[in-house]
Protein backbone atom coordinates (compact mmCIF):
# COMPACT_ATOMS: atom_id res chain seq x y z
CA UNK A 1 19.06 -7.39 -96.97
CA UNK A 2 16.37 -8.48 -99.15
CA UNK A 3 14.05 -6.24 -97.78
CA UNK A 4 16.39 -3.49 -98.92
CA UNK A 5 16.49 -4.88 -102.44
CA UNK A 6 12.81 -4.98 -102.65
CA UNK A 7 12.30 -1.80 -101.59
CA UNK A 8 14.74 -0.47 -104.45
CA UNK A 9 17.49 0.52 -101.98
CA UNK A 10 21.38 -0.39 -102.53
CA UNK A 11 21.97 -3.89 -102.48
CA UNK A 12 24.70 -6.78 -103.39
CA UNK A 13 24.17 -8.29 -107.34
CA UNK A 14 23.48 -11.92 -105.43
CA UNK A 15 20.55 -10.65 -103.96
CA UNK A 16 19.03 -8.89 -106.70
CA UNK A 17 19.40 -11.81 -108.85
CA UNK A 18 18.10 -14.20 -106.42
CA UNK A 19 15.01 -11.71 -106.37
CA UNK A 20 14.60 -12.06 -110.15
CA UNK A 21 15.21 -15.59 -110.13
CA UNK A 22 12.01 -15.76 -107.57
CA UNK A 23 10.03 -13.16 -109.37
CA UNK A 24 10.18 -14.97 -112.69
CA UNK A 25 10.20 -18.42 -112.00
CA UNK A 26 7.06 -17.44 -109.77
CA UNK A 27 5.17 -15.60 -112.77
CA UNK A 28 6.09 -18.07 -115.06
CA UNK A 29 5.28 -21.47 -112.86
CA UNK A 30 8.56 -22.78 -113.44
CA UNK A 31 11.54 -24.16 -111.63
CA UNK A 32 14.07 -21.43 -110.64
CA UNK A 33 16.58 -23.70 -112.60
CA UNK A 34 15.27 -23.09 -115.69
CA UNK A 35 15.85 -19.44 -115.08
CA UNK A 36 19.20 -20.09 -114.67
CA UNK A 37 19.37 -21.90 -117.86
CA UNK A 38 17.98 -18.54 -119.93
CA UNK A 39 20.31 -16.04 -121.43
CA UNK A 40 20.51 -12.72 -119.21
CA UNK A 41 18.81 -10.59 -122.29
CA UNK A 42 15.69 -12.93 -122.11
CA UNK A 43 15.36 -13.36 -118.54
CA UNK A 44 15.40 -9.05 -118.44
CA UNK A 45 12.81 -8.99 -120.86
CA UNK A 46 10.42 -11.21 -119.32
CA UNK A 47 10.60 -9.54 -116.15
CA UNK A 48 9.95 -6.51 -118.26
CA UNK A 49 6.70 -7.83 -119.38
CA UNK A 50 6.09 -8.90 -116.21
CA UNK A 51 6.25 -5.70 -114.63
CA UNK A 52 4.17 -4.18 -117.30
CA UNK A 53 1.41 -6.69 -116.32
CA UNK A 54 1.78 -5.99 -112.95
CA UNK A 55 1.90 -2.55 -113.16
CA UNK A 56 -1.36 -2.60 -115.72
CA UNK A 57 -3.50 -4.83 -113.18
CA UNK A 58 -2.43 -2.57 -110.61
CA UNK A 59 -3.89 0.28 -112.26
CA UNK A 60 -7.14 -1.65 -113.04
CA UNK A 61 -7.56 -2.43 -109.41
CA UNK A 62 -7.36 1.23 -108.23
CA UNK A 63 -9.89 2.50 -111.21
CA UNK A 64 -12.38 -0.05 -109.78
CA UNK A 65 -11.81 0.53 -106.09
CA UNK A 66 -12.41 4.16 -107.07
CA UNK A 67 -15.38 3.68 -108.91
CA UNK A 68 -16.77 1.74 -106.41
CA UNK A 69 -15.97 4.32 -103.90
CA UNK A 70 -17.84 6.79 -106.17
CA UNK A 71 -21.05 4.26 -106.29
CA UNK A 72 -21.11 4.00 -102.83
CA UNK A 73 -20.98 7.72 -102.08
CA UNK A 74 -23.72 8.08 -104.40
CA UNK A 75 -26.19 6.08 -102.54
């Protein structure tokens, strides 16, 4: 059930909210209880920011990996 939700498959709202809570609490290093106190709009905005940073980080890692592969081939 949780794995399906993480992979973007259809899931129930409780599971999705649990994953959102875990993700944001981990990213901000705060208690999940603090997430429950936040307005939904703030939770969504913070998740959006977190997702953007993670996407950029992933893209940067891919660039570095490709650069290292190119360097190792040219030796």
